[in-house]
Structures are given as structure tokens and as C-alpha cells.
């Protein structure tokens, strides 16, 4: 082996070039793939921009007349907070260290996370009128980015992806609910819209939560114990897997909120979901560091076979758990879709109405537009002369029965806890009178309490009444914890 002294001048010069190239590569300031040309930054909010550089390297970030300077820490990480900007653009975002990155065509508008499992992942081309919806998806101020499905116990700080303009080609492969939700906001608000799709079909709620958050609560010991020894499986069921591989790389990006469509996988553990789902939302908010951002979610649709008589249902219990979240956290909203599912398919193709019901929440609560958004819900009950009078709240214009004059979907029980199909009629606009022959002293009422209930009660705005029960008798999933 030759010594350095014996090398030729040409060889030494070549070595010097290689060393310079290697040094330059290591010195390059970098940003994650959340920051690319065509991105959308959240308006009216301090937006975080972050990345990597050499230890102590000075980094300058400039956009729209403002400049922020920082230095990379000992771990090579750096971040700056941009001053709030109004909707608009396009701008150029420049990041300078020992090298320079220029991101062009950067817009400022409204940014939303589109998350959950397969019904959120379901692409636009596969939904109702997917061909027509795709052909008309010509919205250059709507920008789309998708996070690949990577399940891991090791936290990731980046992913393969980039922001793209909304075109018939890009929209066709994007989340149908996400795109249709964003389109409604864009058409109503006339501002740029950024949509981040990180959904994963079949995923359970616990896969979206950081491991130490779950471990801090003894309620989830059984759930965590189930996966001991299987930590190297990268799938969509293991606790924290999707949090680490999919969600973590996006945490901190400026967003207005999230829309969520998940629950099917957790239906067998519906009682657990009462706490697990709010825990997930809270943990996301805690880590994001921008306060209680809006979180709107889709209640489970009707699914499986219709049954002639009342029965217990894990799907009904999951819907109940979802509804309970409304009273546990601020700035959450539930889109009820008990009327637009498909009994034989867990993936209903009507994504348009799902997206509109989510958009109603955002338009009303985030953008101050006076539109009906919350489905009517149970308030109270009283018994009188062998009948139950149920009072509902959050109505617009009173109640009506869709399709046929008879109110369908109610069941009633006495002290024996045996539910039977009930008669019902609307009284006083926001009240329903419920009774059944053979139940002389009723104590409990249920509405739309089944996997696939036959029910037809709406308010005059066209929003379906939220499924409910007045009893708290133990359900079929009460003891399921893993």
C-alpha cells in the first residue's frame, strides 16, 4: 500500500477534490420534504420552518420581505418561526446556509391534515362520479401532498413526497374526502388550500399515538403487552407504528386543523375508544405546539345487514364513543353519516356528502360562516302515560322524517332491559314521542342503535339525527381491551 508521500500530484489533487465534495455534501443545509416548491403555508399564523445543517452553521430563511436567522444546534437541527402572513402568493422561500435552497411558487392559505384509515385513503377516482370529479379537478391554488405508509417503532423525521398542484391527474389518486373537503373550502373562501394526506387503510387508533403516551396510562397495558416481542413488524396495527413512520415527520407544520375518518378497526373495543380517541387528539395537539387546532371526524356509517329487531352492536357502541368525544375536548366536531353507508361494503362510494358535512364544521367554526353544521343530538327524556318524550337539541328548522311519514329507527325497553321496535312521532318540532305495545312502563330509548339501522330522522337543514341511547347498560365491547 502506497504512503501519502508516494502518491502522484495528480492523485493528491484528485483526493483533495473528493474530500472537498464530501465536506460540501455534509455541509449542505437541508429541509424535509414537507418544504418543496408549490407548498402552502398556513395564513395568519407563525409558521415553523426547520431542517438540518452543520453544528453551529448559520441559517437564514427569507420569504415575502421577512428574514429569520438562526444557528444549527449540536445535533445539527435548526428551526425558525416566520411571522404571520395573509393569504396570497406565489412567493419564493429561500433558505441559506453554506448552500442555498430556493422553493418557488409558495402560496399562503389554509392547510389541513387528512387522516384516518381506508375511507379517508379512498381515492377520488374510486368514488361516486370519480371520472367526472377527476376531470373537473383543475384548481392550481389547491396543493396536495401524500405521506407514504411506513410503519416503524423508530421515529422518522422525513418522508418521500412533494407538494403538487391539483390537476385531474393528481386529484384522481388523492384522498376523495380530503380533496372534496378542500375543494369546498377553496370555492367558499377563495384562498389557497394545502392538503396533507397521511391516511392508512385498516389502521387502528393506537398506531397513531406515541408509545410513551400510551404507556403512561395503565388502561392500555394489555394493548401494549400484546405486541411485546413483535416490535420489528412494520404494520398498521402495532401501537405507535404510524405515529413514528407517518405522523412524526409532519408534526410542527403550520395547519388550521385535521379531518379524520377512522374507527372501523377499533369497533370491537368501542368502550376503550371512549378514552383512546380523545387521548390521540390531545397528544397530537400537545406535540404540534400550536394550541387546540380544530379536529373534525366522521362517525361510522351504516354497515352490514339490516336486522328486523333491535340488537346489541359493537358499531353502535363505537359511534357512541365518537359522539362522547364532543363533550371531552374543545374544538372537535362530528360529521354524522348514518344515512349514506352501504350495507354490503365498508367503503361507501358517496364521499361527496361526507366531505360536505366535514366542511360545514370548518366553515362554521373556523371561518365564521353561518351554515348548519352539527347534527341534532339527544338532550333529555321524560315518561308520561306509558310513553317516552325525547327532546333533541342542535336543530335547524325542526325535525322531519325522510322518505316516508313514519318515524323509523326507535326502540324502547322496560326494566327488563329487553328492547323492542317502537312507534314514534314528531311533536313540538324538537321532540319525539316513543311507545310500543307491551312496554307499559318504559325506562330507556334507543335510536339508530344497530350496525346498519333503518332510521330516517333529520332536521330541516338535511343533517341526520345522531344515533343515541338513553341507557348506560353494559354493552358487548365493555371488557375488550386488546
Protein backbone atom coordinates (compact mmCIF):
# COMPACT_ATOMS: atom_id res chain seq x y z
CA UNK A 1 0.00 0.00 0.00
CA UNK A 2 1.41 3.36 -1.03
CA UNK A 3 2.01 6.11 1.55
CA UNK A 4 0.63 9.59 1.06
CA UNK A 5 4.13 10.83 0.32
CA UNK A 6 4.48 8.42 -2.61
CA UNK A 7 1.25 9.46 -4.31
CA UNK A 8 1.47 11.47 -7.51
CA UNK A 9 0.47 15.16 -7.62
CA UNK A 10 -2.50 14.21 -9.83
CA UNK A 11 -3.68 11.58 -7.32
CA UNK A 12 -3.30 14.03 -4.44
CA UNK A 13 -5.25 16.67 -6.35
CA UNK A 14 -8.00 14.17 -7.04
CA UNK A 15 -8.15 13.20 -3.37
CA UNK A 16 -8.45 16.84 -2.40
CA UNK A 17 -11.39 17.29 -4.78
CA UNK A 18 -13.13 14.23 -3.36
CA UNK A 19 -12.61 15.47 0.18
CA UNK A 20 -13.96 18.89 -0.79
CA UNK A 21 -17.03 17.32 -2.38
CA UNK A 22 -17.63 15.16 0.69
CA UNK A 23 -17.20 18.14 3.01
CA UNK A 24 -19.59 20.19 0.88
CA UNK A 25 -22.22 17.42 0.95
CA UNK A 26 -22.07 17.22 4.69
CA UNK A 27 -22.27 20.98 5.00
CA UNK A 28 -25.39 21.45 2.89
CA UNK A 29 -28.34 22.93 4.69
CA UNK A 30 -31.34 20.68 4.15
CA UNK A 31 -35.10 20.71 4.78
CA UNK A 32 -37.60 17.85 4.98
CA UNK A 33 -39.85 17.10 2.04
CA UNK A 34 -42.72 19.00 3.65
CA UNK A 35 -40.88 22.03 2.29
CA UNK A 36 -40.83 21.91 -1.50
CA UNK A 37 -41.86 24.18 -4.33
CA UNK A 38 -45.67 24.54 -4.66
CA UNK A 39 -46.19 24.20 -0.90
CA UNK A 40 -48.86 26.07 1.06
CA UNK A 41 -48.06 27.81 4.33
CA UNK A 42 -50.78 28.43 6.89
CA UNK A 43 -52.02 32.03 6.77
CA UNK A 44 -52.30 34.31 9.80
CA UNK A 45 -50.09 32.02 11.89
CA UNK A 46 -46.43 31.81 12.86
CA UNK A 47 -45.20 29.09 10.52
CA UNK A 48 -42.33 26.86 11.58
CA UNK A 49 -39.62 26.04 9.05
CA UNK A 50 -36.96 23.53 10.05
CA UNK A 51 -34.17 21.33 8.79
CA UNK A 52 -30.56 20.27 9.26
CA UNK A 53 -27.11 21.78 8.82
CA UNK A 54 -23.63 21.52 10.33
CA UNK A 55 -23.33 22.13 14.04
CA UNK A 56 -23.31 25.86 14.64
CA UNK A 57 -23.96 26.71 10.99
CA UNK A 58 -25.87 29.95 10.47
CA UNK A 59 -29.10 29.51 8.54
CA UNK A 60 -31.19 32.31 7.05
CA UNK A 61 -34.79 31.87 5.88
CA UNK A 62 -36.45 34.56 3.74
CA UNK A 63 -39.91 34.96 2.23
CA UNK A 64 -42.18 37.84 1.27
CA UNK A 65 -39.97 40.58 2.69
CA UNK A 66 -39.11 38.93 6.00
CA UNK A 67 -35.87 37.24 7.03
CA UNK A 68 -35.18 34.99 10.00
CA UNK A 69 -31.73 33.82 11.10
CA UNK A 70 -30.72 31.01 13.45
CA UNK A 71 -27.89 28.55 14.06
CA UNK A 72 -27.96 24.77 13.93
CA UNK A 73 -27.67 23.12 17.33
CA UNK A 74 -25.24 20.47 18.47
CA UNK A 75 -27.47 17.85 16.86
CA UNK A 76 -27.45 19.70 13.55
CA UNK A 77 -31.11 20.69 13.78
CA UNK A 78 -32.39 24.22 13.25
CA UNK A 79 -35.77 25.94 13.04
CA UNK A 80 -37.24 29.40 12.63
CA UNK A 81 -40.71 30.84 13.07
CA UNK A 82 -41.97 33.00 10.23
CA UNK A 83 -44.16 35.98 11.03
CA UNK A 84 -47.85 35.51 10.13
CA UNK A 85 -48.72 36.27 6.53
CA UNK A 86 -52.07 36.87 4.81
CA UNK A 87 -53.36 34.56 2.11
CA UNK A 88 -51.63 35.07 -1.18
CA UNK A 89 -48.54 34.37 -3.24
CA UNK A 90 -46.83 32.98 -5.12
CA UNK A 91 -43.71 33.65 -3.09
CA UNK A 92 -40.18 32.29 -3.12
CA UNK A 93 -38.90 30.74 0.10
CA UNK A 94 -35.10 30.97 0.32
CA UNK A 95 -33.02 29.00 2.82
CA UNK A 96 -29.32 29.87 3.03
CA UNK A 97 -26.50 28.21 4.88
CA UNK A 98 -23.27 27.17 3.25
CA UNK A 99 -25.52 26.49 0.29
CA UNK A 100 -28.84 27.94 -0.86
CA UNK A 101 -32.25 26.34 -1.39
CA UNK A 102 -34.95 28.16 -3.35
CA UNK A 103 -38.54 26.95 -3.19
CA UNK A 104 -40.73 28.57 -5.83
CA UNK A 105 -44.47 29.05 -6.20
CA UNK A 106 -45.11 29.03 -2.45
CA UNK A 107 -48.68 30.02 -1.53
CA UNK A 108 -50.14 31.13 1.79
CA UNK A 109 -53.62 29.90 2.66
CA UNK A 110 -55.39 27.20 4.67
CA UNK A 111 -53.67 23.89 5.46
CA UNK A 112 -55.42 20.73 6.67
CA UNK A 113 -54.28 17.23 7.61
CA UNK A 114 -56.42 14.47 6.06
CA UNK A 115 -56.01 11.37 8.21
CA UNK A 116 -57.51 8.06 9.26
CA UNK A 117 -57.93 4.70 7.60
CA UNK A 118 -59.22 3.37 4.28
CA UNK A 119 -62.29 5.57 3.93
CA UNK A 120 -60.03 8.62 4.10
CA UNK A 121 -57.40 6.95 1.93
CA UNK A 122 -60.02 6.03 -0.71
CA UNK A 123 -59.05 7.90 -3.85
CA UNK A 124 -61.20 10.33 -5.79
CA UNK A 125 -61.24 8.16 -8.89
CA UNK A 126 -62.82 5.27 -6.98
CA UNK A 127 -65.75 7.20 -5.51
CA UNK A 128 -69.12 8.23 -6.89
CA UNK A 129 -68.68 10.00 -10.24
CA UNK A 130 -64.95 9.59 -9.84
CA UNK A 131 -64.38 10.15 -13.54
CA UNK A 132 -66.32 13.41 -13.61
CA UNK A 133 -64.90 14.63 -10.32
CA UNK A 134 -61.37 13.97 -11.59
CA UNK A 135 -61.93 15.65 -14.93
CA UNK A 136 -63.05 18.84 -13.23
CA UNK A 137 -60.25 18.93 -10.63
CA UNK A 138 -58.49 21.91 -12.17
CA UNK A 139 -57.59 24.02 -9.15
CA UNK A 140 -54.00 25.33 -9.32
CA UNK A 141 -54.38 27.02 -5.93
CA UNK A 142 -55.19 23.71 -4.23
CA UNK A 143 -51.97 21.87 -3.42
CA UNK A 144 -51.65 18.20 -2.48
CA UNK A 145 -49.03 16.09 -0.72
CA UNK A 146 -49.23 12.46 0.43
CA UNK A 147 -47.13 10.74 3.08
CA UNK A 148 -46.09 7.15 2.22
CA UNK A 149 -47.20 4.33 4.51
CA UNK A 150 -44.22 3.48 6.70
CA UNK A 151 -44.85 1.59 9.94
CA UNK A 152 -41.98 1.57 12.41
CA UNK A 153 -41.07 1.83 16.07
CA UNK A 154 -38.24 4.24 15.15
CA UNK A 155 -39.32 7.90 14.85
CA UNK A 156 -38.79 9.28 11.34
CA UNK A 157 -38.02 12.91 10.53
CA UNK A 158 -38.68 12.83 6.78
CA UNK A 159 -40.59 11.02 4.05
CA UNK A 160 -40.58 10.62 0.29
CA UNK A 161 -43.01 13.08 -1.20
CA UNK A 162 -43.53 16.56 -2.61
CA UNK A 163 -46.23 19.19 -3.00
CA UNK A 164 -48.12 19.09 -6.29
CA UNK A 165 -50.71 21.28 -7.97
CA UNK A 166 -54.25 19.92 -8.04
CA UNK A 167 -54.89 18.62 -11.55
CA UNK A 168 -57.19 15.90 -12.93
CA UNK A 169 -54.23 13.52 -12.71
CA UNK A 170 -53.05 14.33 -9.17
CA UNK A 171 -56.53 14.66 -7.70
CA UNK A 172 -57.68 11.30 -9.09
CA UNK A 173 -55.15 9.48 -6.91
CA UNK A 174 -55.61 11.68 -3.83
CA UNK A 175 -57.98 11.11 -0.92
CA UNK A 176 -61.54 11.66 -2.15
CA UNK A 177 -62.79 13.01 1.19
CA UNK A 178 -59.68 15.15 1.57
CA UNK A 179 -59.88 16.65 -1.91
CA UNK A 180 -63.65 17.26 -1.80
CA UNK A 181 -63.33 18.86 1.64
CA UNK A 182 -60.54 21.11 0.41
CA UNK A 183 -62.40 22.00 -2.76
CA UNK A 184 -65.42 23.16 -0.76
CA UNK A 185 -63.20 25.38 1.38
CA UNK A 186 -61.42 26.77 -1.68
CA UNK A 187 -64.64 27.55 -3.51
CA UNK A 188 -66.16 29.18 -0.44
CA UNK A 189 -63.17 31.10 0.92
CA UNK A 190 -61.33 31.84 -2.34
CA UNK A 191 -57.92 31.26 -0.76
CA UNK A 192 -55.18 28.70 -1.47
CA UNK A 193 -55.68 25.32 0.18
CA UNK A 194 -52.97 22.84 1.21
CA UNK A 195 -53.94 19.22 1.93
CA UNK A 196 -51.63 16.70 3.62
CA UNK A 197 -52.91 13.12 3.23
CA UNK A 198 -51.33 10.69 5.69
CA UNK A 199 -54.15 8.13 5.90
CA UNK A 200 -53.55 4.37 6.09
CA UNK A 201 -56.25 1.79 5.38
CA UNK A 202 -57.09 -0.59 8.22
CA UNK A 203 -55.14 1.38 10.81
CA UNK A 204 -56.14 1.22 14.45
CA UNK A 205 -56.28 4.32 16.63
CA UNK A 206 -53.41 3.25 18.87
CA UNK A 207 -50.98 3.13 15.94
CA UNK A 208 -51.32 6.91 15.67
CA UNK A 209 -50.26 7.56 19.29
CA UNK A 210 -46.74 7.90 20.68
CA UNK A 211 -45.67 4.83 22.68
CA UNK A 212 -44.80 6.63 25.90
CA UNK A 213 -48.19 8.39 25.89
CA UNK A 214 -49.92 5.01 25.84
CA UNK A 215 -47.53 3.54 28.41
CA UNK A 216 -48.29 6.37 30.85
CA UNK A 217 -51.87 5.13 31.24
CA UNK A 218 -52.46 1.68 32.82
CA UNK A 219 -55.65 1.31 30.76
CA UNK A 220 -53.51 0.41 27.76
CA UNK A 221 -51.21 -2.13 29.40
CA UNK A 222 -52.98 -5.09 27.79
CA UNK A 223 -52.80 -3.39 24.42
CA UNK A 224 -49.05 -2.82 24.72
CA UNK A 225 -48.34 -6.24 26.18
CA UNK A 226 -50.00 -7.85 23.17
CA UNK A 227 -47.22 -6.52 20.92
CA UNK A 228 -44.18 -7.28 23.08
CA UNK A 229 -41.65 -9.21 21.03
CA UNK A 230 -43.14 -8.02 17.75
CA UNK A 231 -41.60 -4.54 17.71
CA UNK A 232 -39.86 -5.11 14.37
CA UNK A 233 -43.09 -5.71 12.46
CA UNK A 234 -43.82 -2.55 10.46
CA UNK A 235 -47.61 -2.69 10.08
CA UNK A 236 -50.76 -0.60 10.69
CA UNK A 237 -51.85 -2.29 13.92
CA UNK A 238 -48.92 -2.03 16.32
CA UNK A 239 -49.13 0.87 18.79
CA UNK A 240 -47.11 3.93 17.70
CA UNK A 241 -46.12 2.46 14.33
CA UNK A 242 -47.91 5.03 12.19
CA UNK A 243 -47.15 7.82 14.62
CA UNK A 244 -43.43 7.17 14.12
CA UNK A 245 -43.39 6.49 10.39
CA UNK A 246 -46.13 8.72 9.04
CA UNK A 247 -47.28 11.38 11.51
CA UNK A 248 -43.99 12.34 13.19
CA UNK A 249 -42.39 13.83 10.03
CA UNK A 250 -45.30 16.29 9.69
CA UNK A 251 -45.61 17.43 13.31
CA UNK A 252 -44.96 21.15 13.69
CA UNK A 253 -46.01 22.22 10.20
CA UNK A 254 -48.47 25.09 10.27
CA UNK A 255 -52.04 23.80 9.94
CA UNK A 256 -55.55 25.02 10.61
CA UNK A 257 -56.70 21.59 11.66
CA UNK A 258 -57.30 17.94 10.81
CA UNK A 259 -60.13 15.90 9.34
CA UNK A 260 -60.28 12.26 10.42
CA UNK A 261 -62.15 9.17 9.21
CA UNK A 262 -61.34 6.09 11.29
CA UNK A 263 -62.97 3.77 13.79
CA UNK A 264 -63.89 0.60 11.93
CA UNK A 265 -60.77 -1.22 13.14
CA UNK A 266 -61.48 -0.27 16.77
CA UNK A 267 -65.18 -1.20 16.76
CA UNK A 268 -64.51 -4.37 18.77
CA UNK A 269 -63.01 -2.19 21.53
CA UNK A 270 -65.56 0.60 21.48
CA UNK A 271 -65.57 1.26 25.24
CA UNK A 272 -61.79 1.65 25.16
CA UNK A 273 -62.18 4.10 22.26
CA UNK A 274 -64.08 6.46 24.57
CA UNK A 275 -60.71 7.38 26.11
CA UNK A 276 -58.29 6.28 23.39
CA UNK A 277 -59.64 8.58 20.68
CA UNK A 278 -59.60 11.76 22.81
CA UNK A 279 -56.13 10.77 24.01
CA UNK A 280 -54.95 10.61 20.40
CA UNK A 281 -56.34 14.04 19.58
CA UNK A 282 -54.87 15.60 22.72
CA UNK A 283 -51.47 14.03 22.12
CA UNK A 284 -51.35 15.39 18.56
CA UNK A 285 -52.23 18.86 19.80
CA UNK A 286 -49.67 18.71 22.61
CA UNK A 287 -46.87 17.80 20.21
CA UNK A 288 -47.84 20.17 17.43
CA UNK A 289 -47.37 23.10 19.74
CA UNK A 290 -49.91 25.44 18.12
CA UNK A 291 -52.72 25.06 20.65
CA UNK A 292 -56.00 23.23 20.25
CA UNK A 293 -56.22 23.11 16.48
CA UNK A 294 -59.57 22.08 15.01
CA UNK A 295 -60.25 18.36 14.71
CA UNK A 296 -63.32 17.16 12.79
CA UNK A 297 -64.09 13.49 12.41
CA UNK A 298 -66.54 11.22 10.62
CA UNK A 299 -68.80 8.97 12.65
CA UNK A 300 -69.05 5.39 11.39
CA UNK A 301 -71.51 4.89 8.54
CA UNK A 302 -74.20 2.22 8.47
CA UNK A 303 -72.76 -1.18 7.52
CA UNK A 304 -73.56 -4.92 7.43
CA UNK A 305 -77.03 -6.40 7.22
CA UNK A 306 -80.21 -4.73 8.42
CA UNK A 307 -81.94 -6.54 11.30
CA UNK A 308 -85.67 -6.66 11.83
CA UNK A 309 -85.47 -6.45 15.62
CA UNK A 310 -83.29 -4.38 17.98
CA UNK A 311 -79.99 -5.98 18.97
CA UNK A 312 -76.65 -5.14 20.52
CA UNK A 313 -73.99 -3.70 18.24
CA UNK A 314 -70.27 -3.00 18.50
CA UNK A 315 -70.58 -0.45 15.69
CA UNK A 316 -73.29 1.41 17.58
CA UNK A 317 -71.05 1.45 20.65
CA UNK A 318 -68.16 2.86 18.60
CA UNK A 319 -70.42 5.60 17.25
CA UNK A 320 -71.39 6.38 20.83
CA UNK A 321 -67.72 6.64 21.81
CA UNK A 322 -67.12 9.01 18.91
CA UNK A 323 -70.04 11.21 19.97
CA UNK A 324 -68.76 11.31 23.54
CA UNK A 325 -65.59 13.00 22.30
CA UNK A 326 -67.68 16.11 21.65
CA UNK A 327 -68.05 16.63 25.39
CA UNK A 328 -64.46 15.79 26.29
CA UNK A 329 -62.40 18.14 24.16
CA UNK A 330 -62.70 21.66 22.74
CA UNK A 331 -62.79 22.41 19.02
CA UNK A 332 -63.86 18.96 17.86
CA UNK A 333 -66.81 18.16 15.61
CA UNK A 334 -68.57 15.01 14.44
CA UNK A 335 -69.93 14.51 10.93
CA UNK A 336 -72.80 12.02 11.19
CA UNK A 337 -73.21 9.80 8.10
CA UNK A 338 -75.58 7.10 9.39
CA UNK A 339 -77.63 7.65 6.22
CA UNK A 340 -75.03 7.25 3.47
CA UNK A 341 -73.25 3.95 4.12
CA UNK A 342 -73.53 0.73 2.14
CA UNK A 343 -74.58 -2.42 3.97
CA UNK A 344 -72.51 -4.71 1.80
CA UNK A 345 -69.40 -2.53 1.53
CA UNK A 346 -67.37 -1.00 4.33
CA UNK A 347 -66.22 1.64 1.81
CA UNK A 348 -69.28 3.66 0.82
CA UNK A 349 -68.66 5.43 -2.50
CA UNK A 350 -70.54 8.60 -1.58
CA UNK A 351 -67.59 10.68 -0.46
CA UNK A 352 -69.18 13.96 -1.57
CA UNK A 353 -71.66 14.16 1.32
CA UNK A 354 -69.02 13.02 3.82
CA UNK A 355 -66.73 15.85 2.73
CA UNK A 356 -69.53 18.42 2.78
CA UNK A 357 -70.50 17.52 6.33
CA UNK A 358 -66.90 17.92 7.44
CA UNK A 359 -66.62 21.19 5.53
CA UNK A 360 -69.72 22.53 7.29
CA UNK A 361 -67.88 22.22 10.61
CA UNK A 362 -64.83 24.05 9.32
CA UNK A 363 -66.79 26.79 7.59
CA UNK A 364 -68.89 27.42 10.69
CA UNK A 365 -66.31 27.09 13.44
CA UNK A 366 -63.06 28.18 11.78
CA UNK A 367 -64.22 30.69 9.20
CA UNK A 368 -67.28 32.25 10.83
CA UNK A 369 -69.76 31.33 8.11
CA UNK A 370 -73.33 30.79 9.24
CA UNK A 371 -74.13 27.32 7.92
CA UNK A 372 -75.78 24.38 9.69
CA UNK A 373 -73.03 22.03 10.80
CA UNK A 374 -73.94 19.96 13.86
CA UNK A 375 -76.35 17.04 13.62
CA UNK A 376 -79.30 17.03 16.02
CA UNK A 377 -78.45 15.16 19.21
CA UNK A 378 -80.18 13.68 22.24
CA UNK A 379 -80.80 16.10 25.12
CA UNK A 380 -83.28 14.59 27.57
CA UNK A 381 -86.27 12.28 28.08
CA UNK A 382 -89.37 12.07 30.22
CA UNK A 383 -92.01 9.38 30.62
CA UNK A 384 -95.72 10.07 30.53
CA UNK A 385 -98.69 7.69 30.30
CA UNK A 386 -96.60 4.77 29.14
CA UNK A 387 -94.75 6.80 26.50
CA UNK A 388 -91.36 8.48 26.37
CA UNK A 389 -90.91 12.05 25.17
CA UNK A 390 -87.41 12.52 23.79
CA UNK A 391 -86.08 16.05 23.41
CA UNK A 392 -83.34 16.79 20.86
CA UNK A 393 -81.01 19.78 20.57
CA UNK A 394 -78.88 21.46 17.88
CA UNK A 395 -81.73 21.52 15.37
CA UNK A 396 -82.23 23.82 12.44
CA UNK A 397 -85.87 24.31 11.49
CA UNK A 398 -87.35 21.35 13.33
CA UNK A 399 -87.48 17.61 12.65
CA UNK A 400 -88.79 15.66 9.71
CA UNK A 401 -88.97 12.01 8.64
CA UNK A 402 -87.27 11.33 5.31
CA UNK A 403 -88.87 9.29 2.52
CA UNK A 404 -91.96 8.14 4.44
CA UNK A 405 -94.18 9.92 7.00
CA UNK A 406 -93.47 7.36 9.72
CA UNK A 407 -90.51 7.96 12.00
CA UNK A 408 -88.25 4.93 11.87
CA UNK A 409 -85.31 3.79 13.95
CA UNK A 410 -86.52 3.84 17.57
CA UNK A 411 -86.51 1.02 20.11
CA UNK A 412 -87.84 1.02 23.67
CA UNK A 413 -87.33 -1.11 26.78
CA UNK A 414 -88.74 -1.55 30.25
CA UNK A 415 -86.92 -2.52 33.42
CA UNK A 416 -86.22 -5.95 31.94
CA UNK A 417 -83.77 -4.29 29.52
CA UNK A 418 -85.32 -6.02 26.53
CA UNK A 419 -85.63 -3.65 23.60
CA UNK A 420 -88.45 -3.89 21.08
CA UNK A 421 -89.16 -1.93 17.94
CA UNK A 422 -91.06 1.23 18.83
CA UNK A 423 -93.57 3.56 17.27
CA UNK A 424 -92.60 7.21 17.11
CA UNK A 425 -93.94 10.57 16.01
CA UNK A 426 -92.62 14.10 15.93
CA UNK A 427 -94.16 16.57 18.40
CA UNK A 428 -93.34 20.22 19.08
CA UNK A 429 -90.63 20.45 16.44
CA UNK A 430 -87.75 19.15 18.55
CA UNK A 431 -89.45 16.31 20.41
CA UNK A 432 -90.28 12.72 19.52
CA UNK A 433 -92.92 10.67 21.25
CA UNK A 434 -91.95 6.99 21.50
CA UNK A 435 -94.00 3.99 22.59
CA UNK A 436 -94.55 0.29 21.99
CA UNK A 437 -97.37 -2.11 22.72
CA UNK A 438 -96.35 -4.41 25.55
CA UNK A 439 -93.99 -1.94 27.20
CA UNK A 440 -96.25 -0.25 29.72
CA UNK A 441 -93.51 1.27 31.87
CA UNK A 442 -90.64 2.27 29.56
CA UNK A 443 -87.30 3.27 31.07
CA UNK A 444 -84.97 3.54 28.07
CA UNK A 445 -84.99 4.51 24.41
CA UNK A 446 -82.51 3.93 21.62
CA UNK A 447 -82.34 5.47 18.16
CA UNK A 448 -80.40 4.08 15.19
CA UNK A 449 -78.73 1.61 17.53
CA UNK A 450 -77.50 -1.11 15.17
CA UNK A 451 -74.70 -1.91 12.76
CA UNK A 452 -76.97 -0.87 9.89
CA UNK A 453 -80.07 0.76 11.36
CA UNK A 454 -83.23 1.61 9.47
CA UNK A 455 -83.66 5.25 10.50
CA UNK A 456 -84.95 8.37 8.82
CA UNK A 457 -84.95 11.33 11.22
CA UNK A 458 -83.40 14.64 10.07
CA UNK A 459 -83.63 18.31 10.82
CA UNK A 460 -84.72 20.74 8.11
CA UNK A 461 -81.15 21.54 7.16
CA UNK A 462 -80.76 17.96 5.95
CA UNK A 463 -78.46 16.72 8.71
CA UNK A 464 -79.35 13.31 10.19
CA UNK A 465 -80.08 12.87 13.87
CA UNK A 466 -77.10 11.47 15.78
CA UNK A 467 -77.58 7.83 16.89
CA UNK A 468 -78.08 7.64 20.65
CA UNK A 469 -79.31 5.67 23.65
CA UNK A 470 -80.69 6.93 26.94
CA UNK A 471 -79.46 3.94 28.96
CA UNK A 472 -75.94 3.15 30.12
CA UNK A 473 -76.33 -0.61 30.38
CA UNK A 474 -73.11 -2.58 29.71
CA UNK A 475 -72.50 -3.21 26.03
CA UNK A 476 -70.88 -6.03 24.10
CA UNK A 477 -67.41 -4.43 23.99
CA UNK A 478 -67.13 -3.30 27.60
CA UNK A 479 -64.43 -5.81 28.55
CA UNK A 480 -62.41 -5.79 25.33
CA UNK A 481 -59.01 -4.17 25.89
CA UNK A 482 -56.66 -5.62 23.26
